[in-house]
C-alpha cells in the first residue's frame, strides 16, 4: 500500500536513518484554496493553545494530533476509505509511532480545550454578575443623589417662596407707612394753612381800624 501511494505521488517514503525511523509524509496535493478560518479571540491576541495545553499538563506527544490532521488534509483528495487505508499503512510501516499516539493526544487536548472553554464561560458569568452589581449600585447611588438634589431644590423653592412673601409684606408695610406719613403731612399742612389764613384775617379785619385810631390820637 505504501509503495502504491508513493508511485501515485501521494506520499514520499524517505529511507530511515540509523537512529530514528523516518515517518512517511504526504506529498502536496493541489486543491482549491480553503476559506481562511477566523481565529478564536480571547482578548487582544488569538487563542494560545500552547499555554492552554501546558497549563493542563499535556506533555509533547511523540506524534501530535496536529500532525495527523495535516496528514489527513494532505490526503483529502482520497475518499475516506482509501485515506484510512493509507494512514493505517503508514502506521504499520513506521514503528516510531502508533495511531494511538495522536488519538490520545487529541483526546487530551480536546479535554483541555473544553475545560478552558468552561473556564471562559465561568469568567464571563462572573464578570456579568459583577457588572450587574456595579450597575445596580450605580443606579442606587444615582437615585440617592438625584433624590437629595430634588429635596434640596424643593426646600430652596420653599425658601424662595417664603422670601418673596416676606419681601412683599415688608414692601407693603413700608409703602403703608409712607402713605400714612404722607396723609398725616397733608392734614398737618392743611391745618397750618387754615390757621395761617385765620391769623392773617385778623390783620385784614383790624389792621386798618388800628391804623386810623393811632392817627386820631396823634
N, C-alpha and C. Protein backbone atom coordinates (compact mmCIF):
# COMPACT_ATOMS: atom_id res chain seq x y z
N UNK A 1 0.83 -1.20 0.00
CA UNK A 1 0.00 0.00 0.00
C UNK A 1 0.86 1.26 0.00
N UNK A 2 1.92 1.26 0.81
CA UNK A 2 2.79 2.43 0.90
C UNK A 2 3.50 2.68 -0.43
N UNK A 3 3.95 1.56 -1.09
CA UNK A 3 4.59 1.72 -2.40
C UNK A 3 3.60 2.25 -3.43
N UNK A 4 2.36 1.80 -3.32
CA UNK A 4 1.33 2.28 -4.24
C UNK A 4 1.10 3.77 -4.07
N UNK A 5 1.05 4.21 -2.80
CA UNK A 5 0.85 5.63 -2.54
C UNK A 5 2.03 6.45 -3.03
N UNK A 6 3.25 5.86 -2.89
CA UNK A 6 4.43 6.59 -3.33
C UNK A 6 4.46 6.71 -4.84
N UNK A 7 4.06 5.65 -5.53
CA UNK A 7 4.04 5.69 -7.00
C UNK A 7 2.97 6.67 -7.49
N UNK A 8 1.89 6.76 -6.73
CA UNK A 8 0.82 7.68 -7.13
C UNK A 8 1.17 9.13 -6.84
N UNK A 9 2.31 9.35 -6.15
CA UNK A 9 2.73 10.71 -5.85
C UNK A 9 2.01 11.32 -4.67
N UNK A 10 1.31 10.46 -3.88
CA UNK A 10 0.56 10.99 -2.74
C UNK A 10 1.41 11.05 -1.49
N UNK A 11 2.40 10.18 -1.37
CA UNK A 11 3.29 10.19 -0.22
C UNK A 11 4.71 9.98 -0.70
N UNK A 12 5.63 10.31 0.17
CA UNK A 12 7.03 10.12 -0.12
C UNK A 12 7.66 9.38 1.05
N UNK A 13 8.20 8.23 0.78
CA UNK A 13 8.76 7.39 1.84
C UNK A 13 10.28 7.54 1.81
N UNK A 14 10.83 8.32 2.77
CA UNK A 14 12.27 8.51 2.86
C UNK A 14 12.90 7.32 3.57
N UNK A 15 14.11 6.93 3.15
CA UNK A 15 14.77 5.82 3.85
C UNK A 15 15.07 6.22 5.28
N UNK A 16 14.86 5.30 6.25
CA UNK A 16 15.08 5.63 7.66
C UNK A 16 16.55 5.84 7.95
N UNK A 17 16.84 6.66 8.97
CA UNK A 17 18.22 6.86 9.40
C UNK A 17 18.60 5.74 10.35
N UNK A 18 19.83 5.77 10.82
CA UNK A 18 20.30 4.69 11.68
C UNK A 18 19.64 4.71 13.04
N UNK A 19 19.24 5.91 13.52
CA UNK A 19 18.74 6.01 14.88
C UNK A 19 17.23 6.11 14.95
N UNK A 20 16.61 6.90 14.08
CA UNK A 20 15.17 7.14 14.15
C UNK A 20 14.55 6.77 12.82
N UNK A 21 13.57 5.88 12.83
CA UNK A 21 12.91 5.54 11.56
C UNK A 21 12.17 6.74 11.01
N UNK A 22 12.20 6.89 9.70
CA UNK A 22 11.53 8.04 9.07
C UNK A 22 10.03 7.80 9.03
N UNK A 23 9.29 8.90 9.17
CA UNK A 23 7.84 8.85 9.11
C UNK A 23 7.41 9.34 7.74
N UNK A 24 6.62 8.55 7.07
CA UNK A 24 6.17 8.93 5.73
C UNK A 24 5.31 10.17 5.81
N UNK A 25 5.59 11.15 4.97
CA UNK A 25 4.84 12.40 4.92
C UNK A 25 4.09 12.47 3.60
N UNK A 26 2.93 13.04 3.58
CA UNK A 26 2.16 13.11 2.33
C UNK A 26 2.77 14.11 1.37
N UNK A 27 2.63 13.79 0.09
CA UNK A 27 3.03 14.75 -0.93
C UNK A 27 1.98 15.85 -1.00
N UNK A 28 2.38 16.96 -1.53
CA UNK A 28 1.47 18.09 -1.64
C UNK A 28 0.44 17.82 -2.71
N UNK A 29 -0.80 17.90 -2.37
CA UNK A 29 -1.90 17.69 -3.31
C UNK A 29 -2.50 19.04 -3.63
N UNK A 30 -2.55 19.38 -4.90
CA UNK A 30 -3.08 20.68 -5.32
C UNK A 30 -4.59 20.69 -5.18
N UNK A 31 -5.09 21.64 -4.39
CA UNK A 31 -6.52 21.77 -4.17
C UNK A 31 -6.89 23.24 -4.23
N UNK A 32 -8.17 23.53 -4.44
CA UNK A 32 -8.61 24.93 -4.37
C UNK A 32 -8.36 25.47 -2.97
N UNK A 33 -7.96 26.71 -2.87
CA UNK A 33 -7.69 27.28 -1.55
C UNK A 33 -8.95 27.28 -0.69
N UNK A 34 -8.77 26.84 0.57
CA UNK A 34 -9.90 26.81 1.51
C UNK A 34 -10.09 28.19 2.12
N UNK A 35 -11.28 28.49 2.55
CA UNK A 35 -11.51 29.79 3.21
C UNK A 35 -10.66 29.91 4.46
N UNK A 36 -10.17 31.09 4.70
CA UNK A 36 -9.34 31.34 5.87
C UNK A 36 -10.21 31.31 7.13
N UNK A 37 -9.83 30.45 8.08
CA UNK A 37 -10.58 30.34 9.32
C UNK A 37 -10.29 31.53 10.22
N UNK A 38 -11.31 32.06 10.81
CA UNK A 38 -11.12 33.17 11.73
C UNK A 38 -10.60 32.65 13.05
N UNK A 39 -9.58 33.28 13.63
CA UNK A 39 -9.06 32.82 14.91
C UNK A 39 -10.05 33.07 16.05
N UNK A 40 -10.00 32.19 17.04
CA UNK A 40 -10.82 32.38 18.23
C UNK A 40 -10.11 33.36 19.13
N UNK A 41 -10.72 34.48 19.37
CA UNK A 41 -10.08 35.53 20.15
C UNK A 41 -10.44 35.40 21.62
N UNK A 42 -9.46 35.55 22.48
CA UNK A 42 -9.69 35.55 23.92
C UNK A 42 -9.31 36.89 24.52
N UNK A 43 -9.00 37.85 23.72
CA UNK A 43 -8.56 39.14 24.22
C UNK A 43 -7.88 39.86 23.09
N UNK A 44 -6.74 40.50 23.38
CA UNK A 44 -6.05 41.24 22.33
C UNK A 44 -5.41 40.34 21.28
N UNK A 45 -5.16 39.04 21.59
CA UNK A 45 -4.50 38.16 20.64
C UNK A 45 -5.37 36.98 20.29
N UNK A 46 -4.79 35.96 19.60
CA UNK A 46 -5.54 34.78 19.22
C UNK A 46 -5.39 33.71 20.30
N UNK A 47 -6.05 32.60 20.11
CA UNK A 47 -6.05 31.52 21.09
C UNK A 47 -4.65 30.93 21.22
N UNK A 48 -4.13 30.94 22.43
CA UNK A 48 -2.78 30.42 22.71
C UNK A 48 -2.91 28.98 23.18
N UNK A 49 -2.97 28.07 22.22
CA UNK A 49 -3.17 26.67 22.59
C UNK A 49 -1.97 26.09 23.32
N UNK A 50 -0.77 26.55 23.01
CA UNK A 50 0.41 26.02 23.69
C UNK A 50 0.30 26.25 25.20
N UNK A 51 -0.09 27.45 25.59
CA UNK A 51 -0.24 27.76 27.01
C UNK A 51 -1.37 26.97 27.63
N UNK A 52 -2.47 26.82 26.89
CA UNK A 52 -3.61 26.05 27.40
C UNK A 52 -3.21 24.61 27.66
N UNK A 53 -2.52 24.01 26.69
CA UNK A 53 -2.11 22.62 26.85
C UNK A 53 -1.08 22.47 27.97
N UNK A 54 -0.17 23.43 28.07
CA UNK A 54 0.85 23.37 29.11
C UNK A 54 0.21 23.50 30.49
N UNK A 55 -0.74 24.40 30.63
CA UNK A 55 -1.42 24.57 31.91
C UNK A 55 -2.23 23.33 32.28
N UNK A 56 -2.69 22.60 31.27
CA UNK A 56 -3.44 21.36 31.52
C UNK A 56 -2.51 20.19 31.79
N UNK A 57 -1.20 20.39 31.69
CA UNK A 57 -0.24 19.33 31.98
C UNK A 57 -0.07 18.32 30.86
N UNK A 58 -0.37 18.74 29.63
CA UNK A 58 -0.23 17.83 28.49
C UNK A 58 1.21 17.87 27.99
N UNK A 59 1.88 16.75 28.06
CA UNK A 59 3.27 16.67 27.60
C UNK A 59 3.31 16.58 26.07
N UNK A 60 4.41 17.05 25.44
CA UNK A 60 4.53 16.93 23.98
C UNK A 60 4.42 15.47 23.54
N UNK A 61 3.61 15.24 22.53
CA UNK A 61 3.36 13.88 22.06
C UNK A 61 4.43 13.47 21.05
N UNK A 62 4.68 12.16 21.00
CA UNK A 62 5.62 11.64 20.01
C UNK A 62 5.12 11.93 18.60
N UNK A 63 3.82 11.77 18.42
CA UNK A 63 3.18 12.08 17.14
C UNK A 63 1.94 12.91 17.47
N UNK A 64 2.06 14.25 17.44
CA UNK A 64 0.95 15.10 17.87
C UNK A 64 -0.29 14.95 16.98
N UNK A 65 -1.42 15.28 17.55
CA UNK A 65 -2.67 15.21 16.80
C UNK A 65 -2.66 16.16 15.62
N UNK A 66 -2.02 17.33 15.79
CA UNK A 66 -1.98 18.30 14.69
C UNK A 66 -1.24 17.75 13.48
N UNK A 67 -0.25 16.91 13.74
CA UNK A 67 0.50 16.32 12.62
C UNK A 67 -0.38 15.35 11.86
N UNK A 68 -1.18 14.59 12.58
CA UNK A 68 -2.10 13.68 11.91
C UNK A 68 -3.15 14.47 11.13
N UNK A 69 -3.59 15.60 11.69
CA UNK A 69 -4.55 16.44 10.97
C UNK A 69 -3.95 16.94 9.66
N UNK A 70 -2.66 17.36 9.71
CA UNK A 70 -2.02 17.80 8.46
C UNK A 70 -1.93 16.65 7.46
N UNK A 71 -1.68 15.44 7.96
CA UNK A 71 -1.62 14.28 7.08
C UNK A 71 -2.98 14.02 6.44
N UNK A 72 -4.03 14.11 7.24
CA UNK A 72 -5.38 13.91 6.72
C UNK A 72 -5.71 14.97 5.68
N UNK A 73 -5.33 16.23 5.95
CA UNK A 73 -5.56 17.29 4.97
C UNK A 73 -4.80 17.03 3.68
N UNK A 74 -3.58 16.50 3.81
CA UNK A 74 -2.79 16.20 2.60
C UNK A 74 -3.38 15.09 1.77
N UNK A 75 -4.15 14.20 2.42
CA UNK A 75 -4.77 13.09 1.70
C UNK A 75 -6.25 13.35 1.44
N UNK A 76 -6.66 14.60 1.50
CA UNK A 76 -8.08 14.92 1.36
C UNK A 76 -8.63 14.61 -0.03
N UNK A 77 -7.73 14.44 -1.02
CA UNK A 77 -8.21 14.10 -2.36
C UNK A 77 -8.73 12.67 -2.42
N UNK A 78 -8.33 11.83 -1.47
CA UNK A 78 -8.79 10.45 -1.44
C UNK A 78 -10.18 10.37 -0.84
N UNK A 79 -10.85 9.27 -1.15
CA UNK A 79 -12.12 9.01 -0.45
C UNK A 79 -11.79 8.52 0.94
N UNK A 80 -12.73 8.62 1.90
CA UNK A 80 -12.44 8.28 3.29
C UNK A 80 -11.85 6.89 3.49
N UNK A 81 -12.37 5.90 2.77
CA UNK A 81 -11.88 4.53 2.95
C UNK A 81 -10.43 4.42 2.52
N UNK A 82 -10.10 4.97 1.35
CA UNK A 82 -8.72 4.91 0.86
C UNK A 82 -7.79 5.69 1.77
N UNK A 83 -8.27 6.85 2.27
CA UNK A 83 -7.44 7.65 3.16
C UNK A 83 -7.14 6.89 4.45
N UNK A 84 -8.14 6.18 4.98
CA UNK A 84 -7.93 5.40 6.20
C UNK A 84 -6.93 4.28 5.96
N UNK A 85 -7.03 3.62 4.81
CA UNK A 85 -6.09 2.55 4.48
C UNK A 85 -4.67 3.10 4.34
N UNK A 86 -4.55 4.29 3.76
CA UNK A 86 -3.23 4.88 3.58
C UNK A 86 -2.60 5.21 4.92
N UNK A 87 -3.37 5.78 5.83
CA UNK A 87 -2.84 6.13 7.14
C UNK A 87 -2.48 4.89 7.93
N UNK A 88 -3.33 3.86 7.83
CA UNK A 88 -3.03 2.60 8.52
C UNK A 88 -1.75 1.98 7.96
N UNK A 89 -1.54 2.11 6.65
CA UNK A 89 -0.33 1.57 6.05
C UNK A 89 0.90 2.33 6.54
N UNK A 90 0.79 3.64 6.65
CA UNK A 90 1.90 4.43 7.18
C UNK A 90 2.20 4.04 8.63
N UNK A 91 1.13 3.83 9.40
CA UNK A 91 1.30 3.44 10.80
C UNK A 91 2.02 2.10 10.88
N UNK A 92 1.61 1.16 10.04
CA UNK A 92 2.22 -0.16 10.07
C UNK A 92 3.66 -0.12 9.59
N UNK A 93 3.98 0.77 8.66
CA UNK A 93 5.33 0.81 8.08
C UNK A 93 6.32 1.54 8.96
N UNK A 94 5.85 2.31 9.95
CA UNK A 94 6.74 3.11 10.78
C UNK A 94 6.52 2.73 12.24
N UNK A 95 7.50 2.09 12.84
CA UNK A 95 7.37 1.64 14.22
C UNK A 95 7.61 2.77 15.23
N UNK A 96 7.99 3.96 14.77
CA UNK A 96 8.27 5.05 15.70
C UNK A 96 7.01 5.69 16.27
N UNK A 97 5.88 5.40 15.68
CA UNK A 97 4.64 5.96 16.18
C UNK A 97 3.50 5.00 15.95
N UNK A 98 2.44 5.22 16.70
CA UNK A 98 1.23 4.43 16.56
C UNK A 98 0.06 5.37 16.45
N UNK A 99 -0.98 4.91 15.79
CA UNK A 99 -2.15 5.77 15.61
C UNK A 99 -2.75 6.16 16.97
N UNK A 100 -2.46 5.36 18.00
CA UNK A 100 -2.96 5.69 19.33
C UNK A 100 -2.31 6.96 19.87
N UNK A 101 -1.08 7.26 19.40
CA UNK A 101 -0.39 8.46 19.90
C UNK A 101 -1.16 9.73 19.56
N UNK A 102 -1.45 10.01 18.30
CA UNK A 102 -2.21 11.25 18.01
C UNK A 102 -3.65 11.21 18.53
N UNK A 103 -4.23 9.98 18.60
CA UNK A 103 -5.59 9.90 19.12
C UNK A 103 -5.63 10.25 20.61
N UNK A 104 -4.67 9.73 21.38
CA UNK A 104 -4.60 10.07 22.80
C UNK A 104 -4.29 11.56 22.98
N UNK A 105 -3.39 12.07 22.13
CA UNK A 105 -3.05 13.50 22.21
C UNK A 105 -4.27 14.36 21.89
N UNK A 106 -5.03 13.93 20.88
CA UNK A 106 -6.24 14.68 20.50
C UNK A 106 -7.27 14.66 21.63
N UNK A 107 -7.43 13.51 22.28
CA UNK A 107 -8.40 13.41 23.37
C UNK A 107 -8.01 14.31 24.54
N UNK A 108 -6.70 14.30 24.87
CA UNK A 108 -6.25 15.14 25.98
C UNK A 108 -6.41 16.62 25.65
N UNK A 109 -6.08 17.00 24.41
CA UNK A 109 -6.19 18.40 24.03
C UNK A 109 -7.66 18.84 23.94
N UNK A 110 -8.52 17.92 23.48
CA UNK A 110 -9.95 18.24 23.43
C UNK A 110 -10.48 18.50 24.83
N UNK A 111 -10.06 17.66 25.79
CA UNK A 111 -10.48 17.85 27.17
C UNK A 111 -9.95 19.17 27.73
N UNK A 112 -8.69 19.49 27.39
CA UNK A 112 -8.11 20.75 27.87
C UNK A 112 -8.85 21.95 27.29
N UNK A 113 -9.19 21.88 26.01
CA UNK A 113 -9.92 22.98 25.39
C UNK A 113 -11.33 23.11 25.98
N UNK A 114 -11.95 21.96 26.28
CA UNK A 114 -13.29 22.01 26.89
C UNK A 114 -13.22 22.65 28.28
N UNK A 115 -12.18 22.27 29.05
CA UNK A 115 -12.02 22.87 30.38
C UNK A 115 -11.74 24.37 30.28
N UNK A 116 -10.94 24.74 29.27
CA UNK A 116 -10.63 26.16 29.08
C UNK A 116 -11.89 26.93 28.66
N UNK A 117 -12.70 26.32 27.79
CA UNK A 117 -13.96 26.97 27.37
C UNK A 117 -14.90 27.11 28.56
N UNK A 118 -14.95 26.08 29.41
CA UNK A 118 -15.79 26.15 30.61
C UNK A 118 -15.32 27.27 31.54
N UNK A 119 -13.98 27.39 31.66
CA UNK A 119 -13.45 28.46 32.50
C UNK A 119 -13.77 29.83 31.92
N UNK A 120 -13.70 29.95 30.59
CA UNK A 120 -14.06 31.22 29.95
C UNK A 120 -15.52 31.57 30.24
N UNK A 121 -16.40 30.57 30.14
CA UNK A 121 -17.81 30.81 30.43
C UNK A 121 -18.01 31.23 31.88
N UNK A 122 -17.29 30.55 32.80
CA UNK A 122 -17.40 30.91 34.22
C UNK A 122 -16.90 32.33 34.46
N UNK A 123 -15.78 32.67 33.81
CA UNK A 123 -15.24 34.03 33.95
C UNK A 123 -16.23 35.07 33.42
N UNK A 124 -16.86 34.73 32.28
CA UNK A 124 -17.83 35.66 31.69
C UNK A 124 -19.03 35.83 32.61
N UNK A 125 -19.53 34.72 33.17
CA UNK A 125 -20.66 34.81 34.09
C UNK A 125 -20.30 35.62 35.32
N UNK A 126 -19.07 35.41 35.83
CA UNK A 126 -18.62 36.18 36.98
C UNK A 126 -18.56 37.67 36.65
N UNK A 127 -18.05 37.96 35.44
CA UNK A 127 -17.98 39.36 35.01
C UNK A 127 -19.38 39.95 34.84
N UNK A 128 -20.30 39.13 34.31
CA UNK A 128 -21.68 39.61 34.14
C UNK A 128 -22.31 39.94 35.50
N UNK A 129 -22.09 39.04 36.48
CA UNK A 129 -22.65 39.28 37.81
C UNK A 129 -22.02 40.52 38.45
N UNK A 130 -20.70 40.64 38.30
CA UNK A 130 -20.01 41.81 38.86
C UNK A 130 -20.49 43.09 38.19
N UNK A 131 -20.64 43.03 36.86
CA UNK A 131 -21.11 44.21 36.13
C UNK A 131 -22.52 44.59 36.55
N UNK A 132 -23.39 43.57 36.71
CA UNK A 132 -24.76 43.85 37.13
C UNK A 132 -24.79 44.46 38.51
N UNK A 133 -23.93 43.95 39.41
CA UNK A 133 -23.86 44.52 40.76
C UNK A 133 -23.39 45.97 40.71
N UNK A 134 -22.41 46.25 39.86
CA UNK A 134 -21.92 47.62 39.72
C UNK A 134 -23.00 48.53 39.15
N UNK A 135 -23.74 48.01 38.15
CA UNK A 135 -24.82 48.81 37.56
C UNK A 135 -25.92 49.09 38.59
N UNK A 136 -26.25 48.06 39.38
CA UNK A 136 -27.28 48.25 40.41
C UNK A 136 -26.83 49.28 41.44
N UNK A 137 -25.56 49.16 41.86
CA UNK A 137 -25.03 50.12 42.84
C UNK A 137 -25.00 51.53 42.25
N UNK A 138 -24.60 51.63 40.97
CA UNK A 138 -24.54 52.95 40.33
C UNK A 138 -25.94 53.56 40.21
N UNK A 139 -26.93 52.71 39.88
CA UNK A 139 -28.30 53.21 39.77
C UNK A 139 -28.82 53.67 41.12
N UNK A 140 -28.55 52.87 42.16
CA UNK A 140 -29.00 53.25 43.51
C UNK A 140 -28.33 54.54 43.96
N UNK A 141 -27.02 54.64 43.68
CA UNK A 141 -26.31 55.86 44.05
C UNK A 141 -26.86 57.07 43.29
N UNK A 142 -27.14 56.87 42.01
CA UNK A 142 -27.70 57.97 41.21
C UNK A 142 -29.06 58.40 41.74
N UNK A 143 -29.90 57.41 42.06
CA UNK A 143 -31.23 57.74 42.58
C UNK A 143 -31.11 58.48 43.91
N UNK A 144 -30.17 58.07 44.75
CA UNK A 144 -29.99 58.73 46.03
C UNK A 144 -29.55 60.18 45.85
N UNK A 145 -28.56 60.37 44.96
CA UNK A 145 -28.05 61.72 44.72
C UNK A 145 -29.11 62.59 44.10
N UNK A 146 -29.81 62.06 43.09
CA UNK A 146 -30.87 62.84 42.44
C UNK A 146 -31.98 63.17 43.43
N UNK A 147 -32.32 62.19 44.29
CA UNK A 147 -33.34 62.44 45.30
C UNK A 147 -32.93 63.54 46.27
N UNK A 148 -31.66 63.51 46.69
CA UNK A 148 -31.18 64.56 47.59
C UNK A 148 -31.21 65.93 46.91
N UNK A 149 -30.81 65.94 45.64
CA UNK A 149 -30.81 67.21 44.91
C UNK A 149 -32.23 67.75 44.77
N UNK A 150 -33.16 66.85 44.41
CA UNK A 150 -34.55 67.29 44.25
C UNK A 150 -35.13 67.77 45.59
N UNK A 151 -34.75 67.10 46.68
CA UNK A 151 -35.20 67.54 48.00
C UNK A 151 -34.66 68.93 48.31
N UNK A 152 -33.38 69.14 47.98
CA UNK A 152 -32.79 70.46 48.19
C UNK A 152 -33.47 71.51 47.32
N UNK A 153 -33.79 71.12 46.07
CA UNK A 153 -34.49 72.06 45.18
C UNK A 153 -35.84 72.44 45.77
N UNK A 154 -36.57 71.42 46.29
CA UNK A 154 -37.88 71.70 46.90
C UNK A 154 -37.74 72.63 48.09
N UNK A 155 -36.73 72.36 48.93
CA UNK A 155 -36.50 73.23 50.09
C UNK A 155 -36.12 74.65 49.66
N UNK A 156 -35.29 74.74 48.60
CA UNK A 156 -34.91 76.06 48.11
C UNK A 156 -36.10 76.80 47.52
N UNK A 157 -36.96 76.07 46.79
CA UNK A 157 -38.15 76.71 46.24
C UNK A 157 -39.06 77.21 47.35
N UNK A 158 -39.19 76.42 48.43
CA UNK A 158 -39.99 76.87 49.57
C UNK A 158 -39.35 78.09 50.22
N UNK A 159 -38.02 78.08 50.31
CA UNK A 159 -37.32 79.23 50.88
C UNK A 159 -37.52 80.47 50.01
N UNK A 160 -37.47 80.28 48.69
CA UNK A 160 -37.71 81.40 47.77
C UNK A 160 -39.12 81.94 47.95
N UNK A 161 -40.10 81.02 48.07
CA UNK A 161 -41.49 81.46 48.25
C UNK A 161 -41.64 82.24 49.55
N UNK A 162 -41.02 81.74 50.62
CA UNK A 162 -41.11 82.45 51.91
C UNK A 162 -40.45 83.82 51.81
N UNK A 163 -39.30 83.89 51.12
CA UNK A 163 -38.58 85.15 51.00
C UNK A 163 -39.39 86.14 50.16
N UNK A 164 -40.02 85.64 49.09
CA UNK A 164 -40.86 86.52 48.27
C UNK A 164 -42.04 87.05 49.09
N UNK A 165 -42.65 86.19 49.88
CA UNK A 165 -43.78 86.62 50.72
C UNK A 165 -43.32 87.65 51.75
N UNK A 166 -42.19 87.37 52.41
CA UNK A 166 -41.66 88.30 53.40
C UNK A 166 -41.32 89.64 52.76
N UNK A 167 -40.69 89.58 51.57
CA UNK A 167 -40.35 90.82 50.88
C UNK A 167 -41.58 91.62 50.50
N UNK A 168 -42.62 90.90 50.01
CA UNK A 168 -43.85 91.59 49.64
C UNK A 168 -44.51 92.22 50.85
N UNK A 169 -44.51 91.47 51.97
CA UNK A 169 -45.09 92.02 53.19
C UNK A 169 -44.31 93.23 53.70
N UNK A 170 -43.01 93.16 53.64
CA UNK A 170 -42.17 94.28 54.09
C UNK A 170 -42.38 95.49 53.19
N UNK A 171 -42.45 95.25 51.88
CA UNK A 171 -42.67 96.36 50.95
C UNK A 171 -44.04 97.00 51.20
N UNK A 172 -45.05 96.15 51.44
CA UNK A 172 -46.39 96.69 51.70
C UNK A 172 -46.40 97.51 52.98
N UNK A 173 -45.66 97.01 54.00
CA UNK A 173 -45.59 97.75 55.26
C UNK A 173 -44.91 99.09 55.09
N UNK A 174 -43.80 99.11 54.35
CA UNK A 174 -43.09 100.36 54.11
C UNK A 174 -43.95 101.33 53.32
N UNK A 175 -44.61 100.82 52.29
CA UNK A 175 -45.48 101.68 51.50
C UNK A 175 -46.64 102.21 52.33
N UNK A 176 -47.15 101.36 53.22
CA UNK A 176 -48.25 101.82 54.08
C UNK A 176 -47.78 102.92 55.03
N UNK A 177 -46.55 102.74 55.57
CA UNK A 177 -46.02 103.80 56.44
C UNK A 177 -45.82 105.10 55.67
N UNK A 178 -45.33 104.99 54.46
CA UNK A 178 -45.15 106.19 53.63
C UNK A 178 -46.49 106.86 53.34
N UNK A 179 -47.49 106.03 53.01
CA UNK A 179 -48.81 106.58 52.70
C UNK A 179 -49.39 107.27 53.94
N UNK A 180 -49.23 106.61 55.09
CA UNK A 180 -49.76 107.21 56.33
C UNK A 180 -49.04 108.51 56.66
N UNK A 181 -47.73 108.52 56.47
CA UNK A 181 -46.95 109.74 56.73
C UNK A 181 -47.36 110.85 55.78
N UNK A 182 -47.57 110.47 54.51
CA UNK A 182 -47.97 111.46 53.51
C UNK A 182 -49.33 112.05 53.84
N UNK A 183 -50.26 111.17 54.22
CA UNK A 183 -51.59 111.65 54.56
C UNK A 183 -51.56 112.55 55.81
N UNK A 184 -50.76 112.13 56.80
CA UNK A 184 -50.64 112.92 58.01
C UNK A 184 -50.03 114.29 57.71
N UNK A 185 -49.01 114.29 56.85
CA UNK A 185 -48.36 115.55 56.47
C UNK A 185 -49.34 116.45 55.75
N UNK A 186 -50.14 115.88 54.85
CA UNK A 186 -51.13 116.67 54.12
C UNK A 186 -52.16 117.27 55.08
N UNK A 187 -52.60 116.49 56.07
CA UNK A 187 -53.57 117.03 57.04
C UNK A 187 -52.94 118.14 57.86
N UNK A 188 -51.67 117.91 58.27
CA UNK A 188 -50.99 118.94 59.07
C UNK A 188 -50.81 120.22 58.28
N UNK A 189 -50.40 120.07 57.01
CA UNK A 189 -50.21 121.24 56.16
C UNK A 189 -51.53 121.99 55.95
N UNK A 190 -52.58 121.19 55.79
CA UNK A 190 -53.89 121.83 55.60
C UNK A 190 -54.28 122.60 56.85
N UNK A 191 -54.02 122.01 58.02
CA UNK A 191 -54.32 122.72 59.27
C UNK A 191 -53.47 123.98 59.43
N UNK A 192 -52.20 123.86 59.07
CA UNK A 192 -51.31 125.04 59.13
C UNK A 192 -51.84 126.15 58.23
N UNK A 193 -52.23 125.75 57.04
CA UNK A 193 -52.75 126.73 56.09
C UNK A 193 -54.01 127.40 56.66
N UNK A 194 -54.87 126.56 57.24
CA UNK A 194 -56.10 127.10 57.79
C UNK A 194 -55.82 128.08 58.94
N UNK A 195 -54.91 127.69 59.84
CA UNK A 195 -54.58 128.56 60.95
C UNK A 195 -53.90 129.87 60.47
N UNK A 196 -53.05 129.72 59.50
CA UNK A 196 -52.37 130.92 58.96
C UNK A 196 -53.37 131.87 58.34
N UNK A 197 -54.32 131.30 57.61
CA UNK A 197 -55.31 132.13 56.96
C UNK A 197 -56.17 132.88 58.02
N UNK A 198 -56.52 132.17 59.10
CA UNK A 198 -57.31 132.84 60.14
C UNK A 198 -56.50 133.93 60.84
N UNK A 199 -55.25 133.63 61.06
CA UNK A 199 -54.41 134.67 61.68
C UNK A 199 -54.25 135.87 60.76
N UNK A 200 -54.09 135.56 59.50
CA UNK A 200 -53.96 136.68 58.56
C UNK A 200 -55.26 137.48 58.44
N UNK A 201 -56.37 136.81 58.68
CA UNK A 201 -57.66 137.55 58.59
C UNK A 201 -57.79 138.59 59.70
N UNK A 202 -57.13 138.36 60.80
CA UNK A 202 -57.16 139.36 61.86
C UNK A 202 -56.54 140.68 61.39
N UNK A 203 -55.44 140.54 60.72
CA UNK A 203 -54.79 141.76 60.19
C UNK A 203 -55.68 142.45 59.18
N UNK A 204 -56.35 141.66 58.40
CA UNK A 204 -57.21 142.24 57.38
C UNK A 204 -58.41 142.95 58.02
N UNK A 205 -58.92 142.33 59.10
CA UNK A 205 -60.11 142.90 59.72
C UNK A 205 -59.78 144.10 60.63
N UNK A 206 -58.72 144.01 61.38
CA UNK A 206 -58.46 145.03 62.39
C UNK A 206 -57.22 145.89 62.11
N UNK A 207 -56.53 145.58 61.14
CA UNK A 207 -55.31 146.34 60.85
C UNK A 207 -55.64 147.77 60.45
N UNK A 208 -56.63 148.05 59.61
CA UNK A 208 -56.98 149.39 59.13
C UNK A 208 -57.56 150.24 60.26
N UNK A 209 -58.42 149.63 61.10
CA UNK A 209 -59.01 150.36 62.21
C UNK A 209 -57.95 150.78 63.19
N UNK A 210 -57.00 149.91 63.45
CA UNK A 210 -55.93 150.22 64.39
C UNK A 210 -55.09 151.38 63.87
N UNK A 211 -54.88 151.39 62.59
CA UNK A 211 -54.08 152.46 61.99
C UNK A 211 -54.83 153.81 62.08
N UNK A 212 -56.14 153.81 61.91
CA UNK A 212 -56.93 155.05 61.97
C UNK A 212 -56.94 155.61 63.40
N UNK A 213 -57.11 154.74 64.38
CA UNK A 213 -57.13 155.15 65.81
C UNK A 213 -55.80 155.79 66.19
N UNK A 214 -54.77 155.27 65.73
CA UNK A 214 -53.44 155.79 66.05
C UNK A 214 -53.27 157.19 65.45
N UNK A 215 -53.84 157.45 64.29
CA UNK A 215 -53.72 158.74 63.63
C UNK A 215 -54.50 159.79 64.37
N UNK A 216 -55.71 159.43 64.84
CA UNK A 216 -56.53 160.38 65.58
C UNK A 216 -55.91 160.75 66.91
N UNK A 217 -55.34 159.81 67.57
CA UNK A 217 -54.69 160.09 68.84
C UNK A 217 -53.51 161.04 68.69
N UNK A 218 -52.87 160.97 67.65
CA UNK A 218 -51.74 161.88 67.43
C UNK A 218 -52.26 163.29 67.24
